[in-house]
Structure formats: structure tokens, C-alpha cells
Amino acid sequence: MYTIATLDDLRRQLGLAATDSDSDQELLHSLQEASHLIESLTQRRYCPLLQRRVIPLNPIAPRLFILPDDLLELRAVNDAGGEIDHDLFLRLPEDPDTPASILHLARGRTIRYDASGTRAVAIDGVWGWHDRWTGAWTDSGDAISGSALSAKAAIISVSDTSGSDTAGFSPRFQVGQLLRIKDEYLRITAIDRQNRQLTVRRGAQGTIAAMHPQGALIETYAAALPIRDLTVRYAELMLKSHSLLEDGPSTLVNRMRRLTA
């Protein structure tokens, strides 16, 4: 399951109560379809993805690397000689809230060839688009309770599934929501509010499932607000009509479209 917005977001858009769960599967399906449609039309991703991308050297501008995707966080850079200090790369734009589209290597450092004579860099990073990345993750106000979470466990026990998070939003946990525990991303697929348990997909978005101790803090992700709103509106239209794009993509979709060479 991959959704930009959550089931609760769509319920609010439709004026449904949290107890109106008879159509949950249909609602989730429309959210998934809307999420994929928006990302396909804009050629961007709106939930962070941890991934390695190999970028070839541009012989005309050997220190300038034009990125094939939006880069939210630079984790590591490697060439044929091994890891390059990523502090040697200037990300452009420099604003930490804005994804980078270009990396510029400092003077005095060159890219080493591999065995075939090809020069390229392998970039490990968090890829995706957000308009306020430093505020994208929120402390849920909750943590793993009961016992440690094994790397294979699909159910997380928490103290309260419905309370407010530290920013005052409730419910703190929602179906379709992306979570972060340390370096692992997890996706909520179901919630048992009576027993205070979350069913999750482990190792989401390119991360690796790991063991987490009791008391490990849980963070929740929220995509950029205009994109979340657009997702639920498209999902609503999909529920009501099969002719969603008869008049063409929305203005926001056109504005968000990533320009590629």
C-alpha cells in the first residue's frame, strides 16, 4: 500500500466519521490510485525514498551532477575509489527545506574511474519532494510499548492510537500513514484502536527492517499540505466519476511537474 494522504484525510474530505468503515477498502484503493496518478503526472515522489542512484560524469561540467530526482537528504557519495566526503558537495538549492536538484563537487577533488573506464558517482540519499522537509516528521507522542519490536514483527503496541501527537493533531496514528523509528520507515496498514495496536509494513520506502527496543520513539510523516489536499480531492473524484481527467490535469499538477531533459 502506498498513499500520499491517509484514510482519515479522505474520510474528513467526504464528511465521514471514523466509525464509518464499511467502505474502507474502496477508499484506500482510491487513495492509492490518486497517489500514483499525481506522482505519474508530476514525475515526482511525495513520500521519502531511501535509495542509491548512480549518476554519470558530465564531461563538459565534470564537477556538476544534475540529479535525476529530487534529493531531500544526502547520505553518502561513492566513486570507484570509495566513499567521498559528502561535505565536499554543495547541494543546490542550499535551503534544507527545499530538495536539491544539483550537486557541485568542490575543486581539488576528482572522480575516480572504475575498471571499465567509466566515471560516475553512486549517491545514497533520501529522495522525494517536500516544501518544508525539516518539518515533515512529527513526534507522535508515542513509543513502542509492551516489548521490543523484532525485525519481522508486523504489529506494534502503543500506549494510545487515537490521542494527539506533539503538534496537536489527532488521531496520532492513521491508516496509510508513514512512520519512522530510528532509520526504518514503516507504513500503517490497519489499526486496532481497542487493543492499541498498529499493523505495519516493515522496511518501507527502501529502508531495512530492524529490531527496535521498547520505548523507541515513533515519528509520523506528512507530505506537503497542497499535495495531500490534491490527493484526497482526486480520490474523491475517483469515487464519484471515471472521467477524472477529461478536462486535463489541474493547475497545481502542471506546476509541480518535474522538468526533465
C-alpha atoms as a PDB file:
ATOM      1  CA  MET A   1       0.000   0.000   0.000  1.00  0.00           C
ATOM      2  CA  TYR A   2       1.314   3.426  -0.987  1.00  0.00           C
ATOM      3  CA  THR A   3      -0.664   6.572  -0.244  1.00  0.00           C
ATOM      4  CA  ILE A   4       0.297  10.235  -0.029  1.00  0.00           C
ATOM      5  CA  ALA A   5      -2.686  11.061   2.206  1.00  0.00           C
ATOM      6  CA  THR A   6      -4.289   8.903   4.881  1.00  0.00           C
ATOM      7  CA  LEU A   7      -7.644   7.186   5.234  1.00  0.00           C
ATOM      8  CA  ASP A   8      -8.628   9.751   7.879  1.00  0.00           C
ATOM      9  CA  ASP A   9      -7.761  12.579   5.467  1.00  0.00           C
ATOM     10  CA  LEU A  10     -10.187  11.154   2.900  1.00  0.00           C
ATOM     11  CA  ARG A  11     -12.884  10.489   5.497  1.00  0.00           C
ATOM     12  CA  ARG A  12     -12.740  14.151   6.537  1.00  0.00           C
ATOM     13  CA  GLN A  13     -12.978  15.213   2.881  1.00  0.00           C
ATOM     14  CA  LEU A  14     -16.083  13.035   2.446  1.00  0.00           C
ATOM     15  CA  GLY A  15     -17.615  14.048   5.781  1.00  0.00           C
ATOM     16  CA  LEU A  16     -17.440  10.501   7.162  1.00  0.00           C
ATOM     17  CA  ALA A  17     -16.952   9.609  10.801  1.00  0.00           C
ATOM     18  CA  ALA A  18     -14.121   7.376  11.944  1.00  0.00           C
ATOM     19  CA  THR A  19     -16.708   4.684  12.654  1.00  0.00           C
ATOM     20  CA  ASP A  20     -17.903   4.674   9.023  1.00  0.00           C
ATOM     21  CA  SER A  21     -15.615   1.846   7.999  1.00  0.00           C
ATOM     22  CA  ASP A  22     -17.776  -0.207   5.618  1.00  0.00           C
ATOM     23  CA  SER A  23     -16.126   1.332   2.540  1.00  0.00           C
ATOM     24  CA  ASP A  24     -12.561   1.478   3.867  1.00  0.00           C
ATOM     25  CA  GLN A  25     -11.108  -0.795   1.201  1.00  0.00           C
ATOM     26  CA  GLU A  26     -12.718   1.220  -1.579  1.00  0.00           C
ATOM     27  CA  LEU A  27     -11.480   4.464  -0.017  1.00  0.00           C
ATOM     28  CA  LEU A  28      -7.939   3.114   0.319  1.00  0.00           C
ATOM     29  CA  HIS A  29      -7.984   1.919  -3.279  1.00  0.00           C
ATOM     30  CA  SER A  30      -8.985   5.378  -4.494  1.00  0.00           C
ATOM     31  CA  LEU A  31      -6.235   6.960  -2.353  1.00  0.00           C
ATOM     32  CA  GLN A  32      -3.642   4.633  -3.860  1.00  0.00           C
ATOM     33  CA  GLU A  33      -4.850   5.325  -7.396  1.00  0.00           C
ATOM     34  CA  ALA A  34      -4.870   9.090  -6.783  1.00  0.00           C
ATOM     35  CA  SER A  35      -1.362   8.959  -5.266  1.00  0.00           C
ATOM     36  CA  HIS A  36       0.061   7.049  -8.230  1.00  0.00           C
ATOM     37  CA  LEU A  37      -1.726   9.314 -10.697  1.00  0.00           C
ATOM     38  CA  ILE A  38      -0.372  12.521  -9.154  1.00  0.00           C
ATOM     39  CA  GLU A  39       3.183  11.162  -8.996  1.00  0.00           C
ATOM     40  CA  SER A  40       2.964   9.909 -12.567  1.00  0.00           C
ATOM     41  CA  LEU A  41       1.657  13.211 -13.900  1.00  0.00           C
ATOM     42  CA  THR A  42       4.144  15.374 -11.992  1.00  0.00           C
ATOM     43  CA  GLN A  43       7.086  12.933 -12.333  1.00  0.00           C
ATOM     44  CA  ARG A  44       7.836  13.436  -8.659  1.00  0.00           C
ATOM     45  CA  ARG A  45       7.515  11.339  -5.492  1.00  0.00           C
ATOM     46  CA  TYR A  46       5.960  12.803  -2.352  1.00  0.00           C
ATOM     47  CA  CYS A  47       6.883  10.178   0.240  1.00  0.00           C
ATOM     48  CA  PRO A  48      10.612   9.913   1.018  1.00  0.00           C
ATOM     49  CA  LEU A  49      12.509   7.011  -0.557  1.00  0.00           C
ATOM     50  CA  LEU A  50      15.923   5.790   0.615  1.00  0.00           C
ATOM     51  CA  GLN A  51      17.836   4.694  -2.475  1.00  0.00           C
ATOM     52  CA  ARG A  52      21.206   4.600  -4.228  1.00  0.00           C
ATOM     53  CA  ARG A  53      21.313   6.341  -7.605  1.00  0.00           C
ATOM     54  CA  VAL A  54      24.280   6.181  -9.999  1.00  0.00           C
ATOM     55  CA  ILE A  55      24.972   9.498 -11.732  1.00  0.00           C
ATOM     56  CA  PRO A  56      27.384   9.550 -14.704  1.00  0.00           C
ATOM     57  CA  LEU A  57      30.043  12.219 -15.043  1.00  0.00           C
ATOM     58  CA  ASN A  58      29.228  15.071 -17.389  1.00  0.00           C
ATOM     59  CA  PRO A  59      32.445  15.605 -19.419  1.00  0.00           C
ATOM     60  CA  ILE A  60      31.511  19.230 -20.126  1.00  0.00           C
ATOM     61  CA  ALA A  61      30.991  20.057 -16.432  1.00  0.00           C
ATOM     62  CA  PRO A  62      32.770  17.264 -14.514  1.00  0.00           C
ATOM     63  CA  ARG A  63      32.058  18.756 -11.074  1.00  0.00           C
ATOM     64  CA  LEU A  64      28.375  19.339 -11.685  1.00  0.00           C
ATOM     65  CA  PHE A  65      25.900  16.498 -11.148  1.00  0.00           C
ATOM     66  CA  ILE A  66      22.348  17.075 -12.337  1.00  0.00           C
ATOM     67  CA  LEU A  67      20.158  14.801 -10.255  1.00  0.00           C
ATOM     68  CA  PRO A  68      17.503  12.589 -11.869  1.00  0.00           C
ATOM     69  CA  ASP A  69      15.185  13.054  -8.894  1.00  0.00           C
ATOM     70  CA  ASP A  70      14.562  15.476  -6.021  1.00  0.00           C
ATOM     71  CA  LEU A  71      17.115  14.911  -3.239  1.00  0.00           C
ATOM     72  CA  LEU A  72      15.950  15.658   0.299  1.00  0.00           C
ATOM     73  CA  GLU A  73      18.968  14.311   2.199  1.00  0.00           C
ATOM     74  CA  LEU A  74      22.445  13.381   1.014  1.00  0.00           C
ATOM     75  CA  ARG A  75      23.676  10.358   2.967  1.00  0.00           C
ATOM     76  CA  ALA A  76      26.811   9.179   1.122  1.00  0.00           C
ATOM     77  CA  VAL A  77      28.680   9.529  -2.165  1.00  0.00           C
ATOM     78  CA  ASN A  78      30.975   6.889  -3.655  1.00  0.00           C
ATOM     79  CA  ASP A  79      33.125   6.666  -6.768  1.00  0.00           C
ATOM     80  CA  ALA A  80      35.428   3.850  -7.958  1.00  0.00           C
ATOM     81  CA  GLY A  81      37.919   4.744  -5.229  1.00  0.00           C
ATOM     82  CA  GLY A  82      35.427   4.525  -2.372  1.00  0.00           C
ATOM     83  CA  GLU A  83      33.461   6.986  -0.303  1.00  0.00           C
ATOM     84  CA  ILE A  84      33.860  10.700  -0.922  1.00  0.00           C
ATOM     85  CA  ASP A  85      33.343  13.087   1.950  1.00  0.00           C
ATOM     86  CA  HIS A  86      29.859  14.345   1.095  1.00  0.00           C
ATOM     87  CA  ASP A  87      30.676  17.667   2.745  1.00  0.00           C
ATOM     88  CA  LEU A  88      32.718  18.312  -0.419  1.00  0.00           C
ATOM     89  CA  PHE A  89      29.461  18.537  -2.353  1.00  0.00           C
ATOM     90  CA  LEU A  90      27.411  21.711  -2.413  1.00  0.00           C
ATOM     91  CA  ARG A  91      23.699  20.971  -2.805  1.00  0.00           C
ATOM     92  CA  LEU A  92      21.709  23.421  -4.910  1.00  0.00           C
ATOM     93  CA  PRO A  93      19.493  24.996  -3.836  1.00  0.00           C
ATOM     94  CA  GLU A  94      21.123  25.180  -0.400  1.00  0.00           C
ATOM     95  CA  ASP A  95      17.862  25.634   1.531  1.00  0.00           C
ATOM     96  CA  PRO A  96      17.437  22.473   3.700  1.00  0.00           C
ATOM     97  CA  ASP A  97      13.650  22.711   3.299  1.00  0.00           C
ATOM     98  CA  THR A  98      13.935  22.512  -0.492  1.00  0.00           C
ATOM     99  CA  PRO A  99      15.016  19.350  -2.343  1.00  0.00           C
ATOM    100  CA  ALA A 100      18.289  19.603  -4.214  1.00  0.00           C
ATOM    101  CA  SER A 101      18.379  19.207  -7.987  1.00  0.00           C
ATOM    102  CA  ILE A 102      22.143  19.703  -8.445  1.00  0.00           C
ATOM    103  CA  LEU A 103      25.285  18.645  -6.576  1.00  0.00           C
ATOM    104  CA  HIS A 104      28.519  20.538  -7.129  1.00  0.00           C
ATOM    105  CA  LEU A 105      31.851  18.937  -6.211  1.00  0.00           C
ATOM    106  CA  ALA A 106      34.450  21.202  -4.609  1.00  0.00           C
ATOM    107  CA  ARG A 107      37.637  21.991  -6.506  1.00  0.00           C
ATOM    108  CA  GLY A 108      40.658  19.833  -5.741  1.00  0.00           C
ATOM    109  CA  ARG A 109      38.718  16.556  -5.784  1.00  0.00           C
ATOM    110  CA  THR A 110      38.218  14.492  -8.924  1.00  0.00           C
ATOM    111  CA  ILE A 111      36.029  11.482  -9.645  1.00  0.00           C
ATOM    112  CA  ARG A 112      37.949   8.216  -9.998  1.00  0.00           C
ATOM    113  CA  TYR A 113      37.423   5.788 -12.887  1.00  0.00           C
ATOM    114  CA  ASP A 114      36.035   2.288 -12.463  1.00  0.00           C
ATOM    115  CA  ALA A 115      37.533  -0.794 -14.153  1.00  0.00           C
ATOM    116  CA  SER A 116      35.721  -0.080 -17.423  1.00  0.00           C
ATOM    117  CA  GLY A 117      36.996   3.491 -17.560  1.00  0.00           C
ATOM    118  CA  THR A 118      33.611   4.961 -16.690  1.00  0.00           C
ATOM    119  CA  ARG A 119      33.406   7.844 -14.273  1.00  0.00           C
ATOM    120  CA  ALA A 120      30.288   8.126 -12.146  1.00  0.00           C
ATOM    121  CA  VAL A 121      29.199   8.624  -8.563  1.00  0.00           C
ATOM    122  CA  ALA A 122      26.788   6.490  -6.543  1.00  0.00           C
ATOM    123  CA  ILE A 123      24.613   8.724  -4.399  1.00  0.00           C
ATOM    124  CA  ASP A 124      22.893   7.331  -1.319  1.00  0.00           C
ATOM    125  CA  GLY A 125      20.158   9.633  -0.212  1.00  0.00           C
ATOM    126  CA  VAL A 126      16.567  10.272   0.701  1.00  0.00           C
ATOM    127  CA  TRP A 127      14.712  11.167  -2.494  1.00  0.00           C
ATOM    128  CA  GLY A 128      11.397  12.952  -2.763  1.00  0.00           C
ATOM    129  CA  TRP A 129       9.727  16.354  -2.854  1.00  0.00           C
ATOM    130  CA  HIS A 130       8.583  18.429   0.096  1.00  0.00           C
ATOM    131  CA  ASP A 131       8.172  22.162   0.586  1.00  0.00           C
ATOM    132  CA  ARG A 132       9.188  22.023   4.273  1.00  0.00           C
ATOM    133  CA  TRP A 133      11.359  18.966   4.751  1.00  0.00           C
ATOM    134  CA  THR A 134      12.697  19.996   8.170  1.00  0.00           C
ATOM    135  CA  GLY A 135       9.122  19.901   9.477  1.00  0.00           C
ATOM    136  CA  ALA A 136       7.900  16.848   7.562  1.00  0.00           C
ATOM    137  CA  TRP A 137       8.318  14.467  10.507  1.00  0.00           C
ATOM    138  CA  THR A 138       6.421  14.924  13.782  1.00  0.00           C
ATOM    139  CA  ASP A 139       6.917  13.233  17.131  1.00  0.00           C
ATOM    140  CA  SER A 140       3.795  11.096  17.508  1.00  0.00           C
ATOM    141  CA  GLY A 141       3.916  11.473  21.274  1.00  0.00           C
ATOM    142  CA  ASP A 142       4.015   7.693  21.467  1.00  0.00           C
ATOM    143  CA  ALA A 143       6.558   4.870  21.511  1.00  0.00           C
ATOM    144  CA  ILE A 144       6.852   1.099  21.227  1.00  0.00           C
ATOM    145  CA  SER A 145       5.232  -0.385  24.328  1.00  0.00           C
ATOM    146  CA  GLY A 146       4.946  -3.843  25.823  1.00  0.00           C
ATOM    147  CA  SER A 147       8.162  -5.354  24.499  1.00  0.00           C
ATOM    148  CA  ALA A 148      10.879  -4.846  21.920  1.00  0.00           C
ATOM    149  CA  LEU A 149       9.876  -4.942  18.254  1.00  0.00           C
ATOM    150  CA  SER A 150      11.663  -7.678  16.305  1.00  0.00           C
ATOM    151  CA  ALA A 151      12.740  -7.107  12.705  1.00  0.00           C
ATOM    152  CA  LYS A 152       9.984  -9.449  11.490  1.00  0.00           C
ATOM    153  CA  ALA A 153       7.117  -8.255  13.686  1.00  0.00           C
ATOM    154  CA  ALA A 154       4.176  -6.701  11.839  1.00  0.00           C
ATOM    155  CA  ILE A 155       2.253  -5.454  14.887  1.00  0.00           C
ATOM    156  CA  ILE A 156       3.339  -2.561  17.106  1.00  0.00           C
ATOM    157  CA  SER A 157       1.794  -1.998  20.527  1.00  0.00           C
ATOM    158  CA  VAL A 158       1.495   1.649  21.567  1.00  0.00           C
ATOM    159  CA  SER A 159       0.030   3.488  24.524  1.00  0.00           C
ATOM    160  CA  ASP A 160      -2.703   5.338  22.596  1.00  0.00           C
ATOM    161  CA  THR A 161      -3.671   5.057  18.913  1.00  0.00           C
ATOM    162  CA  SER A 162      -6.180   7.918  18.985  1.00  0.00           C
ATOM    163  CA  GLY A 163      -4.586  10.681  21.061  1.00  0.00           C
ATOM    164  CA  SER A 164      -2.994  13.832  19.702  1.00  0.00           C
ATOM    165  CA  ASP A 165       0.600  13.996  18.501  1.00  0.00           C
ATOM    166  CA  THR A 166       3.026  16.611  19.827  1.00  0.00           C
ATOM    167  CA  ALA A 167       1.751  19.111  17.225  1.00  0.00           C
ATOM    168  CA  GLY A 168      -1.823  18.689  18.463  1.00  0.00           C
ATOM    169  CA  PHE A 169      -3.188  16.656  15.530  1.00  0.00           C
ATOM    170  CA  SER A 170      -5.392  13.630  16.152  1.00  0.00           C
ATOM    171  CA  PRO A 171      -5.664  10.781  15.732  1.00  0.00           C
ATOM    172  CA  ARG A 172      -1.897  10.474  16.013  1.00  0.00           C
ATOM    173  CA  PHE A 173      -1.915   7.213  14.023  1.00  0.00           C
ATOM    174  CA  GLN A 174      -3.839   6.765  10.754  1.00  0.00           C
ATOM    175  CA  VAL A 175      -4.149   4.028   8.133  1.00  0.00           C
ATOM    176  CA  GLY A 176      -1.864   4.812   5.187  1.00  0.00           C
ATOM    177  CA  GLN A 177       0.496   6.869   7.339  1.00  0.00           C
ATOM    178  CA  LEU A 178       4.268   6.569   7.006  1.00  0.00           C
ATOM    179  CA  LEU A 179       6.134   6.109  10.300  1.00  0.00           C
ATOM    180  CA  ARG A 180       9.802   6.413  11.205  1.00  0.00           C
ATOM    181  CA  ILE A 181      11.505   4.526  14.019  1.00  0.00           C
ATOM    182  CA  LYS A 182      15.191   5.416  14.062  1.00  0.00           C
ATOM    183  CA  ASP A 183      16.345   4.713  10.458  1.00  0.00           C
ATOM    184  CA  GLU A 184      13.430   2.489   9.442  1.00  0.00           C
ATOM    185  CA  TYR A 185      10.273   3.614   7.662  1.00  0.00           C
ATOM    186  CA  LEU A 186       7.040   1.684   8.277  1.00  0.00           C
ATOM    187  CA  ARG A 187       3.599   2.003   6.681  1.00  0.00           C
ATOM    188  CA  ILE A 188       0.402   1.578   8.730  1.00  0.00           C
ATOM    189  CA  THR A 189      -1.985  -0.846   7.011  1.00  0.00           C
ATOM    190  CA  ALA A 190      -4.509  -1.345   9.834  1.00  0.00           C
ATOM    191  CA  ILE A 191      -5.240  -0.073  13.337  1.00  0.00           C
ATOM    192  CA  ASP A 192      -6.815  -1.918  16.261  1.00  0.00           C
ATOM    193  CA  ARG A 193      -7.799   1.021  18.438  1.00  0.00           C
ATOM    194  CA  GLN A 194      -9.409  -1.123  21.131  1.00  0.00           C
ATOM    195  CA  ASN A 195      -6.200  -3.094  21.720  1.00  0.00           C
ATOM    196  CA  ARG A 196      -3.928  -0.144  20.888  1.00  0.00           C
ATOM    197  CA  GLN A 197      -2.045  -1.931  18.105  1.00  0.00           C
ATOM    198  CA  LEU A 198      -0.774  -0.891  14.688  1.00  0.00           C
ATOM    199  CA  THR A 199      -0.362  -3.345  11.815  1.00  0.00           C
ATOM    200  CA  VAL A 200       2.515  -2.128   9.668  1.00  0.00           C
ATOM    201  CA  ARG A 201       4.532  -2.965   6.581  1.00  0.00           C
ATOM    202  CA  ARG A 202       8.158  -3.120   7.649  1.00  0.00           C
ATOM    203  CA  GLY A 203      11.171  -1.706   5.838  1.00  0.00           C
ATOM    204  CA  ALA A 204       9.064   0.660   3.720  1.00  0.00           C
ATOM    205  CA  GLN A 205      10.416   3.098   1.140  1.00  0.00           C
ATOM    206  CA  GLY A 206      13.787   1.412   0.647  1.00  0.00           C
ATOM    207  CA  THR A 207      14.691   1.124   4.335  1.00  0.00           C
ATOM    208  CA  ILE A 208      15.645  -2.051   6.183  1.00  0.00           C
ATOM    209  CA  ALA A 209      13.526  -3.628   8.912  1.00  0.00           C
ATOM    210  CA  ALA A 210      15.422  -3.711  12.191  1.00  0.00           C
ATOM    211  CA  MET A 211      14.900  -4.590  15.843  1.00  0.00           C
ATOM    212  CA  HIS A 212      13.743  -1.668  17.960  1.00  0.00           C
ATOM    213  CA  PRO A 213      13.718  -1.617  21.771  1.00  0.00           C
ATOM    214  CA  GLN A 214      10.747  -0.969  23.965  1.00  0.00           C
ATOM    215  CA  GLY A 215      10.356   2.776  24.357  1.00  0.00           C
ATOM    216  CA  ALA A 216      11.729   3.623  20.893  1.00  0.00           C
ATOM    217  CA  LEU A 217      10.059   6.836  19.730  1.00  0.00           C
ATOM    218  CA  ILE A 218       7.703   6.786  16.755  1.00  0.00           C
ATOM    219  CA  GLU A 219       7.562   9.687  14.286  1.00  0.00           C
ATOM    220  CA  THR A 220       4.858  10.312  11.689  1.00  0.00           C
ATOM    221  CA  TYR A 221       5.300  11.764   8.203  1.00  0.00           C
ATOM    222  CA  ALA A 222       3.061  14.254   6.441  1.00  0.00           C
ATOM    223  CA  ALA A 223       3.522  15.090   2.760  1.00  0.00           C
ATOM    224  CA  ALA A 224       3.323  18.736   1.708  1.00  0.00           C
ATOM    225  CA  LEU A 225      -0.151  20.075   2.531  1.00  0.00           C
ATOM    226  CA  PRO A 226      -1.119  21.143  -1.039  1.00  0.00           C
ATOM    227  CA  ILE A 227      -0.220  17.660  -2.293  1.00  0.00           C
ATOM    228  CA  ARG A 228      -2.182  15.935   0.473  1.00  0.00           C
ATOM    229  CA  ASP A 229      -5.205  18.104  -0.326  1.00  0.00           C
ATOM    230  CA  LEU A 230      -4.872  17.357  -4.031  1.00  0.00           C
ATOM    231  CA  THR A 231      -4.628  13.628  -3.317  1.00  0.00           C
ATOM    232  CA  VAL A 232      -7.850  13.481  -1.312  1.00  0.00           C
ATOM    233  CA  ARG A 233      -9.680  15.607  -3.883  1.00  0.00           C
ATOM    234  CA  TYR A 234      -8.580  13.324  -6.707  1.00  0.00           C
ATOM    235  CA  ALA A 235      -9.520  10.297  -4.620  1.00  0.00           C
ATOM    236  CA  GLU A 236     -12.974  11.800  -4.039  1.00  0.00           C
ATOM    237  CA  LEU A 237     -13.405  12.390  -7.761  1.00  0.00           C
ATOM    238  CA  MET A 238     -12.330   8.827  -8.487  1.00  0.00           C
ATOM    239  CA  LEU A 239     -15.019   7.568  -6.145  1.00  0.00           C
ATOM    240  CA  LYS A 240     -17.636   9.662  -7.909  1.00  0.00           C
ATOM    241  CA  SER A 241     -16.546   9.595 -11.545  1.00  0.00           C
ATOM    242  CA  HIS A 242     -14.499   7.596 -14.019  1.00  0.00           C
ATOM    243  CA  SER A 243     -13.788  10.674 -16.155  1.00  0.00           C
ATOM    244  CA  LEU A 244     -11.339  12.330 -13.758  1.00  0.00           C
ATOM    245  CA  LEU A 245      -9.027  13.884 -16.330  1.00  0.00           C
ATOM    246  CA  GLU A 246     -11.455  14.786 -19.094  1.00  0.00           C
ATOM    247  CA  ASP A 247     -10.532  18.437 -18.681  1.00  0.00           C
ATOM    248  CA  GLY A 248      -6.825  17.758 -18.194  1.00  0.00           C
ATOM    249  CA  PRO A 249      -4.609  17.859 -15.092  1.00  0.00           C
ATOM    250  CA  SER A 250      -5.116  20.581 -12.523  1.00  0.00           C
ATOM    251  CA  THR A 251      -3.055  23.761 -12.407  1.00  0.00           C
ATOM    252  CA  LEU A 252      -1.197  22.534  -9.325  1.00  0.00           C
ATOM    253  CA  VAL A 253      -0.291  19.268 -11.067  1.00  0.00           C
ATOM    254  CA  ASN A 254       1.112  21.223 -14.013  1.00  0.00           C
ATOM    255  CA  ARG A 255       3.076  23.499 -11.703  1.00  0.00           C
ATOM    256  CA  MET A 256       4.502  20.521  -9.812  1.00  0.00           C
ATOM    257  CA  ARG A 257       5.571  18.627 -12.933  1.00  0.00           C
ATOM    258  CA  ARG A 258       9.300  17.929 -12.852  1.00  0.00           C
ATOM    259  CA  LEU A 259      11.091  19.158 -15.974  1.00  0.00           C
ATOM    260  CA  THR A 260      13.383  16.551 -17.467  1.00  0.00           C
ATOM    261  CA  ALA A 261      15.766  16.781 -20.374  1.00  0.00           C
END
